[in-house]
Amino acid sequence: MTLAVESVTTWSEADVADVTALVRLLGHEVDPVDMRSRLERLTPTAGHRTWLVRDEEGRAVAVAGAQVTFAYVSDEPTAQLLLLVVDESARRHGTGSALLATFETWAAEQGARRLSAVSAAATDSAHRFYQKRGYHEAGVRYTRIV
């Protein structure tokens, strides 16, 4: 599989459908209409970036998304990887690593020296993926749905 990571800012119907299917692999219930709205809101102007990897037929088989944030305790931005999903057909080909490397390069271009990755997946493989690449657990995140 040839890996070409591309930054996407304009969303075709096929891209939206592919990203919707990929996000569903994480166990989230989402429909294409809501996904399109979200993708159109998560723009470079808003501090976000979204990348796709396509297969030979042009179907998106992996997606990653990130944002840059600023904190009260530091002047340097933090880059946060919010989403990284690879379809089973594209795993074990370096797809996830290519997306992570793209995120890290982009983060450096944004001036971020602190990188974080959100891994809410209940699988050990996602956690091992990040740990093998130098990421470590840092604190606990509390969430409340209202």
C-alpha atoms as a PDB file:
ATOM      1  CA  MET A   1       0.000   0.000   0.000  1.00  0.00           C
ATOM      2  CA  THR A   2       1.355   3.403  -0.996  1.00  0.00           C
ATOM      3  CA  LEU A   3       0.948   5.906   1.821  1.00  0.00           C
ATOM      4  CA  ALA A   4       0.101   9.461   0.894  1.00  0.00           C
ATOM      5  CA  VAL A   5      -1.155  11.632   3.717  1.00  0.00           C
ATOM      6  CA  GLU A   6      -3.128  14.646   2.554  1.00  0.00           C
ATOM      7  CA  SER A   7      -4.522  17.617   4.429  1.00  0.00           C
ATOM      8  CA  VAL A   8      -8.203  18.090   3.618  1.00  0.00           C
ATOM      9  CA  THR A   9     -10.250  21.270   3.941  1.00  0.00           C
ATOM     10  CA  THR A  10     -12.945  20.684   1.303  1.00  0.00           C
ATOM     11  CA  TRP A  11     -15.175  17.653   1.847  1.00  0.00           C
ATOM     12  CA  SER A  12     -16.726  15.566  -0.929  1.00  0.00           C
ATOM     13  CA  GLU A  13     -19.714  13.340  -0.173  1.00  0.00           C
ATOM     14  CA  ALA A  14     -17.434  10.299  -0.472  1.00  0.00           C
ATOM     15  CA  ASP A  15     -14.925  11.762   1.992  1.00  0.00           C
ATOM     16  CA  VAL A  16     -17.663  12.533   4.506  1.00  0.00           C
ATOM     17  CA  ALA A  17     -19.039   9.000   4.158  1.00  0.00           C
ATOM     18  CA  ASP A  18     -15.564   7.490   4.608  1.00  0.00           C
ATOM     19  CA  VAL A  19     -14.762   9.595   7.678  1.00  0.00           C
ATOM     20  CA  THR A  20     -18.172   8.754   9.142  1.00  0.00           C
ATOM     21  CA  ALA A  21     -17.441   5.034   8.702  1.00  0.00           C
ATOM     22  CA  LEU A  22     -13.987   5.416  10.248  1.00  0.00           C
ATOM     23  CA  VAL A  23     -15.317   7.267  13.298  1.00  0.00           C
ATOM     24  CA  ARG A  24     -17.944   4.558  13.723  1.00  0.00           C
ATOM     25  CA  LEU A  25     -15.074   2.054  14.079  1.00  0.00           C
ATOM     26  CA  LEU A  26     -14.378   3.763  17.415  1.00  0.00           C
ATOM     27  CA  GLY A  27     -17.910   2.946  18.556  1.00  0.00           C
ATOM     28  CA  HIS A  28     -19.398   6.412  18.040  1.00  0.00           C
ATOM     29  CA  GLU A  29     -22.853   6.801  16.556  1.00  0.00           C
ATOM     30  CA  VAL A  30     -22.638   9.524  13.942  1.00  0.00           C
ATOM     31  CA  ASP A  31     -24.443  10.252  10.701  1.00  0.00           C
ATOM     32  CA  PRO A  32     -22.975  11.871   7.593  1.00  0.00           C
ATOM     33  CA  VAL A  33     -24.972  15.109   7.955  1.00  0.00           C
ATOM     34  CA  ASP A  34     -23.583  15.713  11.446  1.00  0.00           C
ATOM     35  CA  MET A  35     -20.107  14.635  10.351  1.00  0.00           C
ATOM     36  CA  ARG A  36     -20.088  17.114   7.455  1.00  0.00           C
ATOM     37  CA  SER A  37     -21.102  19.904   9.825  1.00  0.00           C
ATOM     38  CA  ARG A  38     -18.298  18.977  12.216  1.00  0.00           C
ATOM     39  CA  LEU A  39     -15.671  18.686   9.498  1.00  0.00           C
ATOM     40  CA  GLU A  40     -16.641  22.073   8.099  1.00  0.00           C
ATOM     41  CA  ARG A  41     -16.308  23.618  11.581  1.00  0.00           C
ATOM     42  CA  LEU A  42     -12.883  22.052  12.326  1.00  0.00           C
ATOM     43  CA  THR A  43     -10.901  24.269   9.972  1.00  0.00           C
ATOM     44  CA  PRO A  44      -7.331  25.570   9.874  1.00  0.00           C
ATOM     45  CA  THR A  45      -8.726  29.029  10.669  1.00  0.00           C
ATOM     46  CA  ALA A  46     -10.162  27.561  13.894  1.00  0.00           C
ATOM     47  CA  GLY A  47      -6.781  25.978  14.748  1.00  0.00           C
ATOM     48  CA  HIS A  48      -7.601  22.487  13.467  1.00  0.00           C
ATOM     49  CA  ARG A  49      -6.164  20.250  10.774  1.00  0.00           C
ATOM     50  CA  THR A  50      -7.562  17.015   9.311  1.00  0.00           C
ATOM     51  CA  TRP A  51      -5.586  14.493   7.270  1.00  0.00           C
ATOM     52  CA  LEU A  52      -6.674  11.494   5.200  1.00  0.00           C
ATOM     53  CA  VAL A  53      -4.898   8.477   3.773  1.00  0.00           C
ATOM     54  CA  ARG A  54      -6.547   6.959   0.701  1.00  0.00           C
ATOM     55  CA  ASP A  55      -6.326   3.508  -0.815  1.00  0.00           C
ATOM     56  CA  GLU A  56      -5.636   2.870  -4.498  1.00  0.00           C
ATOM     57  CA  GLU A  57      -9.321   3.446  -5.339  1.00  0.00           C
ATOM     58  CA  GLY A  58      -9.342   6.845  -3.633  1.00  0.00           C
ATOM     59  CA  ARG A  59     -11.336   5.747  -0.579  1.00  0.00           C
ATOM     60  CA  ALA A  60     -10.228   7.274   2.732  1.00  0.00           C
ATOM     61  CA  VAL A  61      -8.924   4.386   4.843  1.00  0.00           C
ATOM     62  CA  ALA A  62      -7.489   6.485   7.670  1.00  0.00           C
ATOM     63  CA  VAL A  63      -8.134   9.856   9.252  1.00  0.00           C
ATOM     64  CA  ALA A  64      -6.389  11.994  11.811  1.00  0.00           C
ATOM     65  CA  GLY A  65      -7.395  15.340  13.241  1.00  0.00           C
ATOM     66  CA  ALA A  66      -5.628  17.786  15.519  1.00  0.00           C
ATOM     67  CA  GLN A  67      -5.852  21.204  17.095  1.00  0.00           C
ATOM     68  CA  VAL A  68      -3.532  23.770  18.584  1.00  0.00           C
ATOM     69  CA  THR A  69      -4.447  25.123  22.006  1.00  0.00           C
ATOM     70  CA  PHE A  70      -2.954  27.620  24.397  1.00  0.00           C
ATOM     71  CA  ALA A  71      -2.777  27.279  28.158  1.00  0.00           C
ATOM     72  CA  TYR A  72      -2.745  29.558  31.169  1.00  0.00           C
ATOM     73  CA  VAL A  73       0.564  28.172  32.440  1.00  0.00           C
ATOM     74  CA  SER A  74       2.678  28.456  29.299  1.00  0.00           C
ATOM     75  CA  ASP A  75       3.157  30.756  26.321  1.00  0.00           C
ATOM     76  CA  GLU A  76       3.885  27.852  23.981  1.00  0.00           C
ATOM     77  CA  PRO A  77       1.033  26.221  22.128  1.00  0.00           C
ATOM     78  CA  THR A  78       0.156  22.578  22.657  1.00  0.00           C
ATOM     79  CA  ALA A  79      -0.784  20.393  19.710  1.00  0.00           C
ATOM     80  CA  GLN A  80      -3.410  17.809  20.491  1.00  0.00           C
ATOM     81  CA  LEU A  81      -4.149  14.823  18.287  1.00  0.00           C
ATOM     82  CA  LEU A  82      -7.907  14.466  18.670  1.00  0.00           C
ATOM     83  CA  LEU A  83      -8.573  11.615  16.274  1.00  0.00           C
ATOM     84  CA  LEU A  84      -6.589   8.852  14.630  1.00  0.00           C
ATOM     85  CA  VAL A  85      -8.435   5.936  13.047  1.00  0.00           C
ATOM     86  CA  VAL A  86      -7.101   3.396  10.567  1.00  0.00           C
ATOM     87  CA  ASP A  87      -9.368   0.942   8.778  1.00  0.00           C
ATOM     88  CA  GLU A  88      -8.459  -2.714   9.256  1.00  0.00           C
ATOM     89  CA  SER A  89      -7.484  -2.933   5.557  1.00  0.00           C
ATOM     90  CA  ALA A  90      -4.780  -0.288   6.045  1.00  0.00           C
ATOM     91  CA  ARG A  91      -3.314  -1.478   9.336  1.00  0.00           C
ATOM     92  CA  ARG A  92       0.183  -2.933   9.617  1.00  0.00           C
ATOM     93  CA  HIS A  93       1.355  -0.849   6.653  1.00  0.00           C
ATOM     94  CA  GLY A  94       2.664   2.130   8.623  1.00  0.00           C
ATOM     95  CA  THR A  95      -0.518   4.127   8.062  1.00  0.00           C
ATOM     96  CA  GLY A  96      -0.972   5.174  11.676  1.00  0.00           C
ATOM     97  CA  SER A  97       2.724   5.992  11.995  1.00  0.00           C
ATOM     98  CA  ALA A  98       2.588   8.126   8.843  1.00  0.00           C
ATOM     99  CA  LEU A  99      -0.376  10.071  10.213  1.00  0.00           C
ATOM    100  CA  LEU A 100       1.329  10.527  13.575  1.00  0.00           C
ATOM    101  CA  ALA A 101       4.514  11.771  11.876  1.00  0.00           C
ATOM    102  CA  THR A 102       2.452  14.218   9.822  1.00  0.00           C
ATOM    103  CA  PHE A 103       0.794  15.475  13.012  1.00  0.00           C
ATOM    104  CA  GLU A 104       4.180  15.895  14.704  1.00  0.00           C
ATOM    105  CA  THR A 105       5.611  17.844  11.762  1.00  0.00           C
ATOM    106  CA  TRP A 106       2.542  20.087  11.664  1.00  0.00           C
ATOM    107  CA  ALA A 107       2.755  20.600  15.442  1.00  0.00           C
ATOM    108  CA  ALA A 108       6.372  21.745  15.139  1.00  0.00           C
ATOM    109  CA  GLU A 109       5.367  24.167  12.365  1.00  0.00           C
ATOM    110  CA  GLN A 110       2.806  25.626  14.798  1.00  0.00           C
ATOM    111  CA  GLY A 111       5.497  26.143  17.424  1.00  0.00           C
ATOM    112  CA  ALA A 112       4.190  23.385  19.674  1.00  0.00           C
ATOM    113  CA  ARG A 113       6.749  21.587  21.811  1.00  0.00           C
ATOM    114  CA  ARG A 114       4.149  19.747  23.879  1.00  0.00           C
ATOM    115  CA  LEU A 115       2.168  17.134  21.993  1.00  0.00           C
ATOM    116  CA  SER A 116      -0.749  15.171  23.338  1.00  0.00           C
ATOM    117  CA  ALA A 117      -2.898  12.434  21.920  1.00  0.00           C
ATOM    118  CA  VAL A 118      -6.412  11.553  22.973  1.00  0.00           C
ATOM    119  CA  SER A 119      -6.885   7.800  23.188  1.00  0.00           C
ATOM    120  CA  ALA A 120     -10.281   6.978  24.585  1.00  0.00           C
ATOM    121  CA  ALA A 121     -10.291   3.580  22.929  1.00  0.00           C
ATOM    122  CA  ALA A 122     -10.770   0.717  25.322  1.00  0.00           C
ATOM    123  CA  THR A 123      -8.160  -1.341  23.506  1.00  0.00           C
ATOM    124  CA  ASP A 124      -4.618  -1.856  24.674  1.00  0.00           C
ATOM    125  CA  SER A 125      -3.381  -1.721  21.070  1.00  0.00           C
ATOM    126  CA  ALA A 126      -4.153   2.012  20.777  1.00  0.00           C
ATOM    127  CA  HIS A 127      -2.316   2.717  24.009  1.00  0.00           C
ATOM    128  CA  ARG A 128       0.671   0.598  22.946  1.00  0.00           C
ATOM    129  CA  PHE A 129       0.755   2.423  19.595  1.00  0.00           C
ATOM    130  CA  TYR A 130       1.329   5.768  21.312  1.00  0.00           C
ATOM    131  CA  GLN A 131       3.645   4.409  23.999  1.00  0.00           C
ATOM    132  CA  LYS A 132       5.947   2.826  21.391  1.00  0.00           C
ATOM    133  CA  ARG A 133       6.301   6.275  19.826  1.00  0.00           C
ATOM    134  CA  GLY A 134       7.341   8.066  23.004  1.00  0.00           C
ATOM    135  CA  TYR A 135       3.971   9.227  24.316  1.00  0.00           C
ATOM    136  CA  HIS A 136       3.120   8.550  27.953  1.00  0.00           C
ATOM    137  CA  GLU A 137       0.072   8.839  30.171  1.00  0.00           C
ATOM    138  CA  ALA A 138      -0.124  12.277  31.727  1.00  0.00           C
ATOM    139  CA  GLY A 139      -2.850  12.919  34.251  1.00  0.00           C
ATOM    140  CA  VAL A 140      -6.486  12.050  34.186  1.00  0.00           C
ATOM    141  CA  ARG A 141      -9.220  13.702  32.186  1.00  0.00           C
ATOM    142  CA  TYR A 142     -12.623  14.047  33.811  1.00  0.00           C
ATOM    143  CA  THR A 143     -15.717  14.394  31.667  1.00  0.00           C
ATOM    144  CA  ARG A 144     -19.255  15.334  32.540  1.00  0.00           C
ATOM    145  CA  ILE A 145     -22.115  15.151  30.057  1.00  0.00           C
ATOM    146  CA  VAL A 146     -24.878  17.662  30.784  1.00  0.00           C
END
